[in-house]
């Protein structure tokens, strides 16, 4: 898995669970084609908890922890966006394994 495919958002505020679901499906196609999914969050000013959960949290559940951290990359995210993504991942990780929380 050496090939990286970048996913760009084109919006400054990410808040739709439905949009996150479509992006997640696209990311799964990338990952299932044995590529890394790199999320370019440059220009994104905010991300809702529901968007972060639907995209990153559900990806974690679908891929499993090891594959998720191997295949998913985030770049150019501001501190607020990174915090929201991290919180979604921590919450979903607790559902994978009680010891992971």
C-alpha atoms as a PDB file:
ATOM      1  CA  UNK A   1       0.000   0.000   0.000  1.00  0.00           C
ATOM      2  CA  UNK A   2       2.384   2.694  -1.224  1.00  0.00           C
ATOM      3  CA  UNK A   3       0.103   4.713  -3.484  1.00  0.00           C
ATOM      4  CA  UNK A   4      -1.572   7.749  -1.924  1.00  0.00           C
ATOM      5  CA  UNK A   5      -4.805   9.208  -3.242  1.00  0.00           C
ATOM      6  CA  UNK A   6      -5.801  12.599  -1.887  1.00  0.00           C
ATOM      7  CA  UNK A   7      -9.371  13.436  -0.934  1.00  0.00           C
ATOM      8  CA  UNK A   8     -10.119  17.186  -0.958  1.00  0.00           C
ATOM      9  CA  UNK A   9     -13.240  18.715   0.511  1.00  0.00           C
ATOM     10  CA  UNK A  10     -13.884  22.045  -1.195  1.00  0.00           C
ATOM     11  CA  UNK A  11     -15.837  23.432   1.775  1.00  0.00           C
ATOM     12  CA  UNK A  12     -14.717  25.468   4.771  1.00  0.00           C
ATOM     13  CA  UNK A  13     -17.299  24.011   7.178  1.00  0.00           C
ATOM     14  CA  UNK A  14     -17.994  20.282   7.223  1.00  0.00           C
ATOM     15  CA  UNK A  15     -21.238  19.429   8.941  1.00  0.00           C
ATOM     16  CA  UNK A  16     -23.413  17.045   6.943  1.00  0.00           C
ATOM     17  CA  UNK A  17     -23.488  13.410   8.058  1.00  0.00           C
ATOM     18  CA  UNK A  18     -24.835  12.498   4.601  1.00  0.00           C
ATOM     19  CA  UNK A  19     -21.879  14.212   2.881  1.00  0.00           C
ATOM     20  CA  UNK A  20     -19.465  12.484   5.258  1.00  0.00           C
ATOM     21  CA  UNK A  21     -21.042   9.148   4.376  1.00  0.00           C
ATOM     22  CA  UNK A  22     -20.452   9.727   0.650  1.00  0.00           C
ATOM     23  CA  UNK A  23     -16.850  10.736   1.293  1.00  0.00           C
ATOM     24  CA  UNK A  24     -16.366   7.663   3.500  1.00  0.00           C
ATOM     25  CA  UNK A  25     -17.619   5.408   0.715  1.00  0.00           C
ATOM     26  CA  UNK A  26     -15.155   7.053  -1.686  1.00  0.00           C
ATOM     27  CA  UNK A  27     -12.342   6.575   0.837  1.00  0.00           C
ATOM     28  CA  UNK A  28     -13.247   2.891   1.186  1.00  0.00           C
ATOM     29  CA  UNK A  29     -12.965   2.482  -2.585  1.00  0.00           C
ATOM     30  CA  UNK A  30      -9.493   4.024  -2.431  1.00  0.00           C
ATOM     31  CA  UNK A  31      -8.399   1.837   0.481  1.00  0.00           C
ATOM     32  CA  UNK A  32      -9.884  -1.327  -1.013  1.00  0.00           C
ATOM     33  CA  UNK A  33      -7.829  -0.612  -4.157  1.00  0.00           C
ATOM     34  CA  UNK A  34      -4.758  -0.947  -1.894  1.00  0.00           C
ATOM     35  CA  UNK A  35      -4.062   2.781  -1.641  1.00  0.00           C
ATOM     36  CA  UNK A  36      -3.745   5.231   1.233  1.00  0.00           C
ATOM     37  CA  UNK A  37      -6.597   7.713   1.594  1.00  0.00           C
ATOM     38  CA  UNK A  38      -5.094  11.097   2.413  1.00  0.00           C
ATOM     39  CA  UNK A  39      -7.595  13.699   3.585  1.00  0.00           C
ATOM     40  CA  UNK A  40      -6.454  17.206   2.671  1.00  0.00           C
ATOM     41  CA  UNK A  41      -8.201  19.526   5.099  1.00  0.00           C
ATOM     42  CA  UNK A  42      -6.516  22.731   3.970  1.00  0.00           C
ATOM     43  CA  UNK A  43      -9.069  25.523   3.998  1.00  0.00           C
ATOM     44  CA  UNK A  44     -11.428  23.630   6.314  1.00  0.00           C
ATOM     45  CA  UNK A  45     -12.171  25.860   9.282  1.00  0.00           C
ATOM     46  CA  UNK A  46     -14.561  23.644  11.218  1.00  0.00           C
ATOM     47  CA  UNK A  47     -15.910  20.117  11.310  1.00  0.00           C
ATOM     48  CA  UNK A  48     -18.953  19.009  13.258  1.00  0.00           C
ATOM     49  CA  UNK A  49     -18.819  16.080  15.659  1.00  0.00           C
ATOM     50  CA  UNK A  50     -21.334  14.218  13.508  1.00  0.00           C
ATOM     51  CA  UNK A  51     -19.278  14.720  10.314  1.00  0.00           C
ATOM     52  CA  UNK A  52     -16.065  13.601  12.044  1.00  0.00           C
ATOM     53  CA  UNK A  53     -17.819  10.565  13.497  1.00  0.00           C
ATOM     54  CA  UNK A  54     -19.498   9.561  10.240  1.00  0.00           C
ATOM     55  CA  UNK A  55     -16.285   9.842   8.249  1.00  0.00           C
ATOM     56  CA  UNK A  56     -13.438   8.936  10.579  1.00  0.00           C
ATOM     57  CA  UNK A  57     -15.238   7.084  13.373  1.00  0.00           C
ATOM     58  CA  UNK A  58     -17.218   4.817  11.070  1.00  0.00           C
ATOM     59  CA  UNK A  59     -14.133   4.239   8.877  1.00  0.00           C
ATOM     60  CA  UNK A  60     -12.348   3.036  12.009  1.00  0.00           C
ATOM     61  CA  UNK A  61     -15.157   0.572  12.748  1.00  0.00           C
ATOM     62  CA  UNK A  62     -15.321  -0.650   9.153  1.00  0.00           C
ATOM     63  CA  UNK A  63     -11.577  -1.071   8.668  1.00  0.00           C
ATOM     64  CA  UNK A  64     -10.476  -2.041  12.147  1.00  0.00           C
ATOM     65  CA  UNK A  65      -7.877  -0.138  14.099  1.00  0.00           C
ATOM     66  CA  UNK A  66      -4.727  -1.514  12.469  1.00  0.00           C
ATOM     67  CA  UNK A  67      -5.875  -1.026   8.879  1.00  0.00           C
ATOM     68  CA  UNK A  68      -7.379   2.391   9.655  1.00  0.00           C
ATOM     69  CA  UNK A  69      -4.140   3.785  11.056  1.00  0.00           C
ATOM     70  CA  UNK A  70      -2.172   2.219   8.208  1.00  0.00           C
ATOM     71  CA  UNK A  71      -4.407   3.461   5.382  1.00  0.00           C
ATOM     72  CA  UNK A  72      -5.833   6.806   6.539  1.00  0.00           C
ATOM     73  CA  UNK A  73      -3.844  10.028   6.584  1.00  0.00           C
ATOM     74  CA  UNK A  74      -4.892  13.557   7.519  1.00  0.00           C
ATOM     75  CA  UNK A  75      -2.971  16.648   6.474  1.00  0.00           C
ATOM     76  CA  UNK A  76      -3.319  20.420   6.682  1.00  0.00           C
ATOM     77  CA  UNK A  77      -5.922  20.290   9.443  1.00  0.00           C
ATOM     78  CA  UNK A  78      -6.164  23.053  12.006  1.00  0.00           C
ATOM     79  CA  UNK A  79      -6.139  22.318  15.740  1.00  0.00           C
ATOM     80  CA  UNK A  80      -9.947  22.465  16.122  1.00  0.00           C
ATOM     81  CA  UNK A  81     -10.502  20.078  13.205  1.00  0.00           C
ATOM     82  CA  UNK A  82      -7.847  17.649  14.470  1.00  0.00           C
ATOM     83  CA  UNK A  83      -9.393  17.685  17.939  1.00  0.00           C
ATOM     84  CA  UNK A  84     -12.847  16.837  16.525  1.00  0.00           C
ATOM     85  CA  UNK A  85     -11.416  13.986  14.452  1.00  0.00           C
ATOM     86  CA  UNK A  86      -9.425  12.639  17.408  1.00  0.00           C
ATOM     87  CA  UNK A  87     -12.497  12.711  19.646  1.00  0.00           C
ATOM     88  CA  UNK A  88     -14.552  10.782  17.076  1.00  0.00           C
ATOM     89  CA  UNK A  89     -11.801   8.174  16.803  1.00  0.00           C
ATOM     90  CA  UNK A  90     -11.447   7.815  20.579  1.00  0.00           C
ATOM     91  CA  UNK A  91     -15.195   7.351  20.985  1.00  0.00           C
ATOM     92  CA  UNK A  92     -15.372   4.708  18.260  1.00  0.00           C
ATOM     93  CA  UNK A  93     -12.214   2.956  19.475  1.00  0.00           C
ATOM     94  CA  UNK A  94     -13.950   2.292  22.758  1.00  0.00           C
ATOM     95  CA  UNK A  95     -16.543   0.295  20.827  1.00  0.00           C
ATOM     96  CA  UNK A  96     -13.843  -1.873  19.231  1.00  0.00           C
ATOM     97  CA  UNK A  97     -12.202  -2.780  22.504  1.00  0.00           C
ATOM     98  CA  UNK A  98     -12.974  -1.575  26.022  1.00  0.00           C
ATOM     99  CA  UNK A  99      -9.222  -1.553  26.752  1.00  0.00           C
ATOM    100  CA  UNK A 100      -8.575   0.881  23.849  1.00  0.00           C
ATOM    101  CA  UNK A 101     -10.467   3.768  25.458  1.00  0.00           C
END
